Amino acid sequence: MQITLSAEALWNMLQSLSPDNKRWLGEKLIEAACEEEDVPGQMTVAEAKEWLAASEHRFEQGECVTEEEMDKFFETVRIHFFWHTSQDPDSLPQNIREE
């Protein structure tokens, strides 16, 4: 059986719950939302150690980026981020506007 409710009808139904049931439901909703989120940058300790070992190996093999190259990369990312998120290109500082 499938039921369709408007957000307002659902809200009204939830308002009839006891405070304990509201708290329980809230905790369950937060728990479910956290499980559904794909949070970038989170890893287990084992994954972090594996990533670090691989990074150290690449460094030992001569695979590295200079500070200047990294600065240029981050400047490019910053330009594109502001360019794509700004609604008004003229609001960007002159030194990062794309030609």
N, C-alpha and C. Protein backbone atom coordinates (compact mmCIF):
# COMPACT_ATOMS: atom_id res chain seq x y z
N MET A 1 0.85 -1.17 0.00
CA MET A 1 0.00 0.00 0.00
C MET A 1 0.89 1.24 0.00
N GLN A 2 0.59 2.17 -0.87
CA GLN A 2 1.36 3.40 -0.97
C GLN A 2 0.45 4.58 -0.66
N ILE A 3 0.94 5.47 0.19
CA ILE A 3 0.16 6.63 0.60
C ILE A 3 0.93 7.89 0.19
N THR A 4 0.22 8.86 -0.33
CA THR A 4 0.83 10.13 -0.69
C THR A 4 0.29 11.19 0.26
N LEU A 5 1.22 11.91 0.90
CA LEU A 5 0.84 12.97 1.83
C LEU A 5 1.54 14.26 1.41
N SER A 6 0.85 15.36 1.62
CA SER A 6 1.52 16.63 1.40
C SER A 6 2.46 16.87 2.58
N ALA A 7 3.43 17.74 2.41
CA ALA A 7 4.35 18.05 3.49
C ALA A 7 3.58 18.60 4.69
N GLU A 8 2.55 19.40 4.42
CA GLU A 8 1.76 19.97 5.52
C GLU A 8 1.00 18.89 6.27
N ALA A 9 0.43 17.92 5.55
CA ALA A 9 -0.30 16.83 6.20
C ALA A 9 0.66 15.98 7.04
N LEU A 10 1.85 15.74 6.51
CA LEU A 10 2.85 14.97 7.26
C LEU A 10 3.24 15.72 8.52
N TRP A 11 3.47 17.03 8.41
CA TRP A 11 3.83 17.84 9.56
C TRP A 11 2.74 17.79 10.62
N ASN A 12 1.49 17.92 10.19
CA ASN A 12 0.37 17.88 11.14
C ASN A 12 0.30 16.53 11.84
N MET A 13 0.56 15.45 11.11
CA MET A 13 0.56 14.12 11.70
C MET A 13 1.69 14.00 12.73
N LEU A 14 2.88 14.51 12.39
CA LEU A 14 4.02 14.42 13.30
C LEU A 14 3.80 15.23 14.57
N GLN A 15 3.04 16.32 14.47
CA GLN A 15 2.77 17.14 15.64
C GLN A 15 1.95 16.40 16.69
N SER A 16 1.25 15.35 16.28
CA SER A 16 0.44 14.59 17.23
C SER A 16 1.26 13.59 18.04
N LEU A 17 2.53 13.39 17.68
CA LEU A 17 3.38 12.45 18.41
C LEU A 17 3.75 13.01 19.78
N SER A 18 4.02 12.10 20.71
CA SER A 18 4.48 12.53 22.03
C SER A 18 5.91 13.06 21.91
N PRO A 19 6.35 13.85 22.87
CA PRO A 19 7.73 14.36 22.82
C PRO A 19 8.77 13.25 22.70
N ASP A 20 8.57 12.14 23.43
CA ASP A 20 9.52 11.02 23.33
C ASP A 20 9.55 10.44 21.92
N ASN A 21 8.38 10.28 21.32
CA ASN A 21 8.32 9.72 19.97
C ASN A 21 8.92 10.69 18.95
N LYS A 22 8.72 12.00 19.16
CA LYS A 22 9.33 13.00 18.27
C LYS A 22 10.86 12.92 18.36
N ARG A 23 11.36 12.80 19.58
CA ARG A 23 12.80 12.71 19.78
C ARG A 23 13.35 11.45 19.11
N TRP A 24 12.67 10.32 19.30
CA TRP A 24 13.09 9.05 18.69
C TRP A 24 13.10 9.18 17.17
N LEU A 25 12.03 9.71 16.61
CA LEU A 25 11.94 9.87 15.17
C LEU A 25 13.02 10.81 14.65
N GLY A 26 13.25 11.90 15.37
CA GLY A 26 14.30 12.84 14.97
C GLY A 26 15.66 12.18 14.93
N GLU A 27 15.97 11.39 15.95
CA GLU A 27 17.26 10.68 15.98
C GLU A 27 17.37 9.70 14.81
N LYS A 28 16.28 9.00 14.52
CA LYS A 28 16.28 8.05 13.40
C LYS A 28 16.46 8.76 12.06
N LEU A 29 15.82 9.92 11.88
CA LEU A 29 15.96 10.68 10.64
C LEU A 29 17.39 11.19 10.46
N ILE A 30 17.97 11.68 11.55
CA ILE A 30 19.36 12.16 11.47
C ILE A 30 20.31 11.00 11.17
N GLU A 31 20.09 9.88 11.82
CA GLU A 31 20.91 8.68 11.58
C GLU A 31 20.81 8.25 10.12
N ALA A 32 19.60 8.22 9.57
CA ALA A 32 19.40 7.81 8.18
C ALA A 32 20.05 8.80 7.22
N ALA A 33 19.93 10.09 7.51
CA ALA A 33 20.53 11.11 6.65
C ALA A 33 22.05 10.99 6.65
N CYS A 34 22.64 10.72 7.81
CA CYS A 34 24.09 10.56 7.90
C CYS A 34 24.57 9.35 7.11
N GLU A 35 23.80 8.28 7.12
CA GLU A 35 24.17 7.09 6.36
C GLU A 35 24.08 7.33 4.86
N GLU A 36 23.17 8.19 4.44
CA GLU A 36 22.97 8.46 3.01
C GLU A 36 24.00 9.43 2.46
N GLU A 37 24.55 10.28 3.31
CA GLU A 37 25.50 11.28 2.84
C GLU A 37 26.82 10.63 2.47
N ASP A 38 27.37 11.11 1.38
CA ASP A 38 28.70 10.69 0.99
C ASP A 38 29.62 11.85 1.33
N VAL A 39 30.20 11.79 2.51
CA VAL A 39 31.01 12.90 3.00
C VAL A 39 32.43 12.77 2.45
N PRO A 40 32.83 13.71 1.59
CA PRO A 40 34.18 13.62 1.04
C PRO A 40 35.23 13.88 2.10
N GLY A 41 36.34 13.20 1.97
CA GLY A 41 37.44 13.43 2.88
C GLY A 41 37.43 12.57 4.12
N GLN A 42 36.39 11.80 4.32
CA GLN A 42 36.37 10.94 5.49
C GLN A 42 36.88 9.57 5.11
N MET A 43 37.78 9.03 5.95
CA MET A 43 38.31 7.70 5.70
C MET A 43 38.67 7.06 7.03
N THR A 44 38.80 5.76 6.99
CA THR A 44 39.19 5.05 8.20
C THR A 44 40.68 5.27 8.44
N VAL A 45 41.14 4.90 9.62
CA VAL A 45 42.56 5.02 9.94
C VAL A 45 43.37 4.15 8.98
N ALA A 46 42.88 2.95 8.70
CA ALA A 46 43.59 2.04 7.79
C ALA A 46 43.68 2.66 6.39
N GLU A 47 42.60 3.27 5.92
CA GLU A 47 42.62 3.92 4.60
C GLU A 47 43.59 5.09 4.58
N ALA A 48 43.63 5.86 5.67
CA ALA A 48 44.54 6.99 5.75
C ALA A 48 46.00 6.52 5.72
N LYS A 49 46.29 5.44 6.46
CA LYS A 49 47.65 4.90 6.46
C LYS A 49 48.03 4.39 5.07
N GLU A 50 47.10 3.75 4.39
CA GLU A 50 47.35 3.24 3.04
C GLU A 50 47.60 4.40 2.08
N TRP A 51 46.80 5.44 2.18
CA TRP A 51 46.96 6.61 1.32
C TRP A 51 48.30 7.28 1.57
N LEU A 52 48.67 7.41 2.86
CA LEU A 52 49.94 8.04 3.21
C LEU A 52 51.12 7.22 2.70
N ALA A 53 51.06 5.90 2.85
CA ALA A 53 52.15 5.04 2.37
C ALA A 53 52.30 5.17 0.86
N ALA A 54 51.19 5.19 0.14
CA ALA A 54 51.24 5.34 -1.32
C ALA A 54 51.81 6.70 -1.70
N SER A 55 51.43 7.73 -0.96
CA SER A 55 51.94 9.08 -1.22
C SER A 55 53.44 9.14 -0.98
N GLU A 56 53.90 8.55 0.12
CA GLU A 56 55.34 8.53 0.41
C GLU A 56 56.10 7.77 -0.67
N HIS A 57 55.52 6.68 -1.15
CA HIS A 57 56.16 5.90 -2.22
C HIS A 57 56.29 6.75 -3.49
N ARG A 58 55.22 7.45 -3.86
CA ARG A 58 55.28 8.30 -5.05
C ARG A 58 56.33 9.40 -4.88
N PHE A 59 56.44 9.95 -3.67
CA PHE A 59 57.43 10.98 -3.41
C PHE A 59 58.85 10.42 -3.57
N GLU A 60 59.06 9.22 -3.03
CA GLU A 60 60.37 8.57 -3.15
C GLU A 60 60.73 8.29 -4.62
N GLN A 61 59.72 8.10 -5.46
CA GLN A 61 59.93 7.85 -6.87
C GLN A 61 60.12 9.15 -7.66
N GLY A 62 60.08 10.26 -6.97
CA GLY A 62 60.30 11.55 -7.62
C GLY A 62 59.04 12.22 -8.13
N GLU A 63 57.89 11.65 -7.80
CA GLU A 63 56.63 12.27 -8.22
C GLU A 63 56.26 13.31 -7.17
N CYS A 64 56.46 14.55 -7.50
CA CYS A 64 56.11 15.60 -6.57
C CYS A 64 55.72 16.85 -7.35
N VAL A 65 55.14 17.79 -6.64
CA VAL A 65 54.72 19.06 -7.22
C VAL A 65 55.42 20.16 -6.43
N THR A 66 55.97 21.12 -7.15
CA THR A 66 56.63 22.22 -6.46
C THR A 66 55.59 23.12 -5.81
N GLU A 67 56.04 23.94 -4.90
CA GLU A 67 55.14 24.88 -4.23
C GLU A 67 54.53 25.84 -5.24
N GLU A 68 55.34 26.27 -6.22
CA GLU A 68 54.84 27.18 -7.25
C GLU A 68 53.75 26.52 -8.09
N GLU A 69 53.96 25.25 -8.44
CA GLU A 69 52.95 24.53 -9.23
C GLU A 69 51.65 24.38 -8.43
N MET A 70 51.79 24.10 -7.14
CA MET A 70 50.60 23.95 -6.29
C MET A 70 49.88 25.28 -6.15
N ASP A 71 50.63 26.37 -5.97
CA ASP A 71 50.01 27.70 -5.88
C ASP A 71 49.23 28.02 -7.15
N LYS A 72 49.83 27.73 -8.31
CA LYS A 72 49.17 27.99 -9.59
C LYS A 72 47.89 27.15 -9.71
N PHE A 73 47.95 25.88 -9.29
CA PHE A 73 46.79 25.01 -9.34
C PHE A 73 45.65 25.57 -8.48
N PHE A 74 45.98 25.96 -7.24
CA PHE A 74 44.94 26.47 -6.35
C PHE A 74 44.39 27.81 -6.85
N GLU A 75 45.21 28.62 -7.45
CA GLU A 75 44.72 29.88 -8.02
C GLU A 75 43.74 29.59 -9.15
N THR A 76 44.06 28.59 -9.99
CA THR A 76 43.15 28.20 -11.07
C THR A 76 41.82 27.70 -10.52
N VAL A 77 41.90 26.88 -9.48
CA VAL A 77 40.67 26.37 -8.85
C VAL A 77 39.86 27.53 -8.29
N ARG A 78 40.54 28.46 -7.63
CA ARG A 78 39.84 29.61 -7.04
C ARG A 78 39.16 30.44 -8.12
N ILE A 79 39.85 30.67 -9.23
CA ILE A 79 39.28 31.45 -10.33
C ILE A 79 38.02 30.77 -10.85
N HIS A 80 38.12 29.47 -11.12
CA HIS A 80 36.97 28.76 -11.67
C HIS A 80 35.83 28.66 -10.67
N PHE A 81 36.15 28.49 -9.39
CA PHE A 81 35.11 28.43 -8.38
C PHE A 81 34.34 29.75 -8.35
N PHE A 82 35.06 30.85 -8.24
CA PHE A 82 34.39 32.14 -8.18
C PHE A 82 33.69 32.46 -9.48
N TRP A 83 34.30 32.10 -10.59
CA TRP A 83 33.71 32.38 -11.89
C TRP A 83 32.37 31.66 -12.03
N HIS A 84 32.32 30.39 -11.62
CA HIS A 84 31.11 29.59 -11.80
C HIS A 84 30.07 29.83 -10.72
N THR A 85 30.47 30.40 -9.59
CA THR A 85 29.48 30.64 -8.53
C THR A 85 29.03 32.08 -8.48
N SER A 86 29.71 32.96 -9.19
CA SER A 86 29.34 34.37 -9.17
C SER A 86 28.24 34.62 -10.19
N GLN A 87 27.22 35.34 -9.79
CA GLN A 87 26.16 35.68 -10.73
C GLN A 87 26.54 36.89 -11.56
N ASP A 88 27.47 37.67 -11.07
CA ASP A 88 27.89 38.88 -11.77
C ASP A 88 29.41 38.85 -11.92
N PRO A 89 29.92 38.55 -13.13
CA PRO A 89 31.37 38.49 -13.32
C PRO A 89 32.08 39.76 -12.91
N ASP A 90 31.40 40.90 -12.98
CA ASP A 90 32.03 42.15 -12.60
C ASP A 90 32.25 42.24 -11.09
N SER A 91 31.60 41.35 -10.33
CA SER A 91 31.80 41.36 -8.88
C SER A 91 33.11 40.69 -8.48
N LEU A 92 33.75 40.01 -9.44
CA LEU A 92 35.02 39.37 -9.14
C LEU A 92 36.14 40.39 -9.10
N PRO A 93 37.10 40.16 -8.23
CA PRO A 93 38.25 41.07 -8.24
C PRO A 93 38.92 41.06 -9.60
N GLN A 94 39.45 42.18 -10.02
CA GLN A 94 40.04 42.33 -11.35
C GLN A 94 41.11 41.28 -11.63
N ASN A 95 41.93 40.94 -10.64
CA ASN A 95 43.03 40.03 -10.89
C ASN A 95 42.63 38.57 -11.08
N ILE A 96 41.35 38.21 -10.89
CA ILE A 96 40.97 36.82 -11.13
C ILE A 96 39.90 36.68 -12.21
N ARG A 97 39.58 37.73 -12.89
CA ARG A 97 38.60 37.63 -13.98
C ARG A 97 39.24 36.94 -15.16
N GLU A 98 38.46 36.06 -15.79
CA GLU A 98 38.97 35.38 -16.98
C GLU A 98 38.91 36.34 -18.16
N GLU A 99 39.89 36.27 -18.98
CA GLU A 99 39.95 37.14 -20.17
C GLU A 99 39.07 36.56 -21.26
